[in-house]
C-alpha cells in the first residue's frame, strides 16, 4: 500500500467515525427524557384538539338533526329503564304485581322455605346394623 492509499483509508475511517458519532448523538437526543416528554405532550395536544373538533362537529350535527339523535337515544334509554317502565305501565293499567301468580321461572329462582325442624336420619333396621 502506498502512502496515498493509507491517507485515503484513514480519511474514509474518519468520515465513517464522524457519521457514527453523529448517529449516536442523534439517538441520545431522541432518547433523552426531556425529548420524550415533549414529544408525548405534543402528541397529546394534537389528540385533544382532534377530540375537541370531533365533539364540536358532533354537537353541530346533533343540533341540526335532532330527530336522528332521538332515534338513537330513545331505544337505548327504553332498554336501560325497561323494568321501571314495565312496572309503571302495570300500575297505570291497574295490574298489581302482588296479585299475579308467580311465573314458572320465578318459582325456580325463589328458594324453597326451610323446614321448621332439622331433618334427622331415620334409625337403621336391625338387619342393616350388622347384627
Protein backbone atom coordinates (compact mmCIF):
# COMPACT_ATOMS: atom_id res chain seq x y z
CA UNK A 1 0.00 0.00 0.00
CA UNK A 2 1.19 3.42 -0.82
CA UNK A 3 1.00 6.42 1.45
CA UNK A 4 -1.78 7.91 -0.69
CA UNK A 5 -3.93 4.80 -0.20
CA UNK A 6 -3.24 4.83 3.54
CA UNK A 7 -4.27 8.51 3.79
CA UNK A 8 -7.40 7.76 1.71
CA UNK A 9 -8.30 4.84 4.01
CA UNK A 10 -7.70 6.97 7.10
CA UNK A 11 -9.94 9.69 5.65
CA UNK A 12 -12.68 7.10 4.97
CA UNK A 13 -12.33 5.76 8.51
CA UNK A 14 -12.52 9.27 9.98
CA UNK A 15 -15.58 10.02 7.86
CA UNK A 16 -17.28 6.78 8.96
CA UNK A 17 -16.36 7.53 12.59
CA UNK A 18 -17.87 11.03 12.31
CA UNK A 19 -21.02 9.59 10.74
CA UNK A 20 -21.30 7.02 13.54
CA UNK A 21 -20.79 9.68 16.22
CA UNK A 22 -23.46 11.86 14.58
CA UNK A 23 -25.89 8.93 14.64
CA UNK A 24 -25.10 8.24 18.28
CA UNK A 25 -25.63 11.90 19.23
CA UNK A 26 -28.95 11.89 17.38
CA UNK A 27 -30.05 8.73 19.22
CA UNK A 28 -29.00 10.24 22.54
CA UNK A 29 -31.09 13.30 21.78
CA UNK A 30 -34.13 11.29 20.68
CA UNK A 31 -33.99 9.01 23.71
CA UNK A 32 -33.40 11.70 26.30
CA UNK A 33 -36.25 12.01 28.82
CA UNK A 34 -36.85 15.68 28.01
CA UNK A 35 -37.29 14.94 24.31
CA UNK A 36 -39.63 12.03 25.02
CA UNK A 37 -41.74 14.16 27.38
CA UNK A 38 -42.05 16.99 24.87
CA UNK A 39 -42.98 14.54 22.10
CA UNK A 40 -45.66 12.95 24.27
CA UNK A 41 -47.03 16.38 25.24
CA UNK A 42 -47.23 17.44 21.60
CA UNK A 43 -49.00 14.23 20.59
CA UNK A 44 -51.44 14.56 23.50
CA UNK A 45 -52.23 18.14 22.48
CA UNK A 46 -52.84 17.02 18.90
CA UNK A 47 -55.16 14.24 20.08
CA UNK A 48 -57.01 16.63 22.40
CA UNK A 49 -57.50 19.07 19.55
CA UNK A 50 -58.83 16.24 17.39
CA UNK A 51 -61.26 15.15 20.09
CA UNK A 52 -62.34 18.73 20.66
CA UNK A 53 -63.08 19.33 16.98
CA UNK A 54 -64.92 15.99 16.73
CA UNK A 55 -67.07 16.93 19.74
CA UNK A 56 -67.87 20.30 18.22
CA UNK A 57 -68.82 18.67 14.93
CA UNK A 58 -70.97 16.14 16.80
CA UNK A 59 -72.74 18.92 18.68
CA UNK A 60 -73.41 20.76 15.43
CA UNK A 61 -74.78 17.58 13.84
CA UNK A 62 -76.96 16.91 16.88
CA UNK A 63 -78.31 20.46 16.79
CA UNK A 64 -79.10 20.26 13.07
CA UNK A 65 -80.57 16.73 13.18
CA UNK A 66 -82.48 16.31 16.48
CA UNK A 67 -84.69 13.53 15.08
CA UNK A 68 -81.62 11.37 14.45
CA UNK A 69 -80.43 11.93 17.98
CA UNK A 70 -83.85 10.97 19.33
CA UNK A 71 -83.99 7.88 17.11
CA UNK A 72 -80.71 6.72 18.61
CA UNK A 73 -81.14 7.68 22.27
CA UNK A 74 -84.77 6.72 22.89
CA UNK A 75 -84.33 2.97 22.25
CA UNK A 76 -81.19 2.95 24.38
CA UNK A 77 -82.99 4.66 27.27
CA UNK A 78 -86.03 2.39 26.92
CA UNK A 79 -83.74 -0.64 27.10
CA UNK A 80 -81.90 0.68 30.15
CA UNK A 81 -85.09 1.54 32.03
CA UNK A 82 -87.29 -1.32 30.79
CA UNK A 83 -88.14 -2.74 34.23
CA UNK A 84 -89.24 0.55 35.83
CA UNK A 85 -91.20 1.37 32.69
CA UNK A 86 -92.93 -2.02 32.80
CA UNK A 87 -93.80 -1.58 36.49
CA UNK A 88 -95.16 1.90 35.85
CA UNK A 89 -97.27 0.72 32.93
CA UNK A 90 -98.54 -2.18 35.02
CA UNK A 91 -99.60 0.18 37.78
CA UNK A 92 -101.12 2.56 35.25
CA UNK A 93 -103.19 -0.20 33.67
CA UNK A 94 -104.38 -1.42 37.09
CA UNK A 95 -102.30 -4.55 37.35
CA UNK A 96 -100.70 -5.13 40.68
CA UNK A 97 -97.59 -7.29 40.72
CA UNK A 98 -98.56 -8.74 44.11
CA UNK A 99 -101.89 -10.09 42.79
CA UNK A 100 -100.35 -12.05 39.94
CA UNK A 101 -99.39 -15.67 40.22
CA UNK A 102 -95.66 -16.27 40.05
CA UNK A 103 -94.32 -17.34 36.71
CA UNK A 104 -92.60 -20.73 36.45
CA UNK A 105 -89.17 -19.18 36.15
CA UNK A 106 -89.82 -17.12 39.28
CA UNK A 107 -90.65 -20.26 41.27
CA UNK A 108 -87.40 -21.85 40.15
CA UNK A 109 -85.44 -18.78 41.19
CA UNK A 110 -87.01 -18.48 44.65
CA UNK A 111 -85.58 -20.94 47.17
CA UNK A 112 -87.93 -23.29 48.96
CA UNK A 113 -88.70 -22.36 52.56
CA UNK A 114 -86.69 -24.21 55.16
CA UNK A 115 -88.46 -26.86 57.26
CA UNK A 116 -89.24 -25.81 60.84
CA UNK A 117 -87.18 -28.65 62.36
CA UNK A 118 -83.93 -30.14 61.17
CA UNK A 119 -84.20 -33.32 59.17
CA UNK A 120 -82.94 -36.33 61.09
CA UNK A 121 -81.70 -39.60 59.68
CA UNK A 122 -84.07 -42.50 60.15
CA UNK A 123 -82.91 -45.20 62.55
CA UNK A 124 -81.34 -48.22 60.90
CA UNK A 125 -83.15 -51.52 60.93
CA UNK A 126 -81.50 -54.30 62.98
CA UNK A 127 -80.52 -56.12 59.76
CA UNK A 128 -78.65 -53.03 58.50
CA UNK A 129 -76.69 -52.59 61.73
CA UNK A 130 -74.60 -55.67 61.02
CA UNK A 131 -76.04 -57.87 63.76
